[in-house]
Structures are given as C-alpha cells and as structure tokens.
C-alpha atoms as a PDB file:
ATOM      1  CA  MET A   1      -2.867   4.866   4.106  1.00  0.00           C
ATOM      2  CA  GLY A   2      -6.575   4.550   3.504  1.00  0.00           C
ATOM      3  CA  GLN A   3      -9.118   1.963   4.519  1.00  0.00           C
ATOM      4  CA  LYS A   4      -8.045  -0.599   7.107  1.00  0.00           C
ATOM      5  CA  LYS A   5      -8.824  -4.321   7.001  1.00  0.00           C
ATOM      6  CA  SER A   6      -9.009  -6.659   9.966  1.00  0.00           C
ATOM      7  CA  PHE A   7      -7.572 -10.166  10.068  1.00  0.00           C
ATOM      8  CA  ALA A   8      -6.557 -12.763  12.626  1.00  0.00           C
ATOM      9  CA  LEU A   9      -2.848 -13.272  13.267  1.00  0.00           C
ATOM     10  CA  ARG A  10      -1.415 -16.313  14.985  1.00  0.00           C
ATOM     11  CA  ILE A  11       1.994 -15.565  16.430  1.00  0.00           C
ATOM     12  CA  ASP A  12       4.421 -17.392  18.674  1.00  0.00           C
ATOM     13  CA  ALA A  13       4.107 -16.243  22.304  1.00  0.00           C
ATOM     14  CA  GLU A  14       7.818 -15.358  22.512  1.00  0.00           C
ATOM     15  CA  LEU A  15       7.599 -13.223  19.358  1.00  0.00           C
ATOM     16  CA  MET A  16       4.488 -11.498  20.688  1.00  0.00           C
ATOM     17  CA  GLU A  17       6.188 -10.687  23.973  1.00  0.00           C
ATOM     18  CA  ALA A  18       9.180  -9.166  22.154  1.00  0.00           C
ATOM     19  CA  LEU A  19       6.865  -7.246  19.838  1.00  0.00           C
ATOM     20  CA  GLU A  20       4.838  -5.840  22.743  1.00  0.00           C
ATOM     21  CA  LYS A  21       8.023  -4.669  24.488  1.00  0.00           C
ATOM     22  CA  TRP A  22       9.334  -3.054  21.298  1.00  0.00           C
ATOM     23  CA  ALA A  23       5.989  -1.284  20.768  1.00  0.00           C
ATOM     24  CA  ALA A  24       5.974   0.004  24.360  1.00  0.00           C
ATOM     25  CA  ASP A  25       9.567   1.234  24.004  1.00  0.00           C
ATOM     26  CA  GLU A  26       8.510   3.292  20.964  1.00  0.00           C
ATOM     27  CA  PHE A  27       5.200   4.465  22.478  1.00  0.00           C
ATOM     28  CA  ARG A  28       3.108   2.583  19.903  1.00  0.00           C
ATOM     29  CA  SER A  29       0.305   0.089  20.271  1.00  0.00           C
ATOM     30  CA  THR A  30       1.197  -3.491  19.398  1.00  0.00           C
ATOM     31  CA  ASN A  31      -1.040  -3.240  16.343  1.00  0.00           C
ATOM     32  CA  GLY A  32       0.613   0.028  15.323  1.00  0.00           C
ATOM     33  CA  GLN A  33       4.040  -1.563  15.708  1.00  0.00           C
ATOM     34  CA  ILE A  34       3.075  -4.512  13.487  1.00  0.00           C
ATOM     35  CA  GLU A  35       1.726  -2.113  10.858  1.00  0.00           C
ATOM     36  CA  TRP A  36       4.926   0.002  11.033  1.00  0.00           C
ATOM     37  CA  ILE A  37       7.171  -3.080  10.673  1.00  0.00           C
ATOM     38  CA  ILE A  38       5.223  -4.386   7.685  1.00  0.00           C
ATOM     39  CA  SER A  39       5.115  -0.958   6.047  1.00  0.00           C
ATOM     40  CA  ARG A  40       8.870  -0.474   6.479  1.00  0.00           C
ATOM     41  CA  ALA A  41       9.628  -3.941   5.100  1.00  0.00           C
ATOM     42  CA  LEU A  42       7.394  -3.358   2.062  1.00  0.00           C
ATOM     43  CA  LYS A  43       9.041   0.003   1.334  1.00  0.00           C
ATOM     44  CA  GLU A  44      12.546  -1.468   1.655  1.00  0.00           C
ATOM     45  CA  ALA A  45      11.575  -4.285  -0.733  1.00  0.00           C
ATOM     46  CA  LYS A  46      10.109  -1.668  -3.107  1.00  0.00           C
ATOM     47  CA  ARG A  47       6.734  -3.406  -2.893  1.00  0.00           C
ATOM     48  CA  LEU A  48       4.877  -0.361  -1.592  1.00  0.00           C
ATOM     49  CA  LYS A  49       4.667   2.941  -3.393  1.00  0.00           C
ATOM     50  CA  THR A  50       5.592   5.941  -1.287  1.00  0.00           C
ATOM     51  CA  GLU A  51       4.197   9.436  -1.893  1.00  0.00           C
ATOM     52  CA  ARG A  52       7.570  10.423  -3.348  1.00  0.00           C
ATOM     53  CA  SER A  53       7.555   7.599  -5.926  1.00  0.00           C
ATOM     54  CA  ILE A  54       3.949   8.369  -6.891  1.00  0.00           C
ATOM     55  CA  LYS A  55       4.797  12.047  -7.497  1.00  0.00           C
ATOM     56  CA  LYS A  56       7.890  11.012  -9.473  1.00  0.00           C
ATOM     57  CA  GLU A  57       5.748   8.804 -11.749  1.00  0.00           C
ATOM     58  CA  GLU A  58       3.202  11.589 -12.216  1.00  0.00           C
ATOM     59  CA  ASN A  59       5.920  13.964 -13.439  1.00  0.00           C
ATOM     60  CA  ARG A  60       7.103  11.590 -16.164  1.00  0.00           C
END
C-alpha cells in the first residue's frame, strides 16, 4: 500500500461505536477497519488499482 498519511476524522459517536465493535469482531484495530472499508469500497467502485489490474495493463 505504501506510505501512510495521517488526518483527523470527525465521526458520529453511534457510528464509531458500531465501527469499533465490527473491528473487534474481525480482530482488527479501529483504524485498520476504517482502512479496510475504504479500500474495499474503492476497489468495488473501480477507483483503486489492484495488483491484478496493474499486471493486466503491463501485459497489454
């Protein structure tokens, strides 16, 4: 994934509580869970190149 950047995130307390529980259920940190959710959403929206798509483009 590369270099990481820090930023402040304001989030509704109820959302944060649900997010923390979800992260604990999947044995991730809250930060790791947020990163996983964003990464998955970007991949599904085809906004983030995966290793597979990069290799496919290289072979063209």
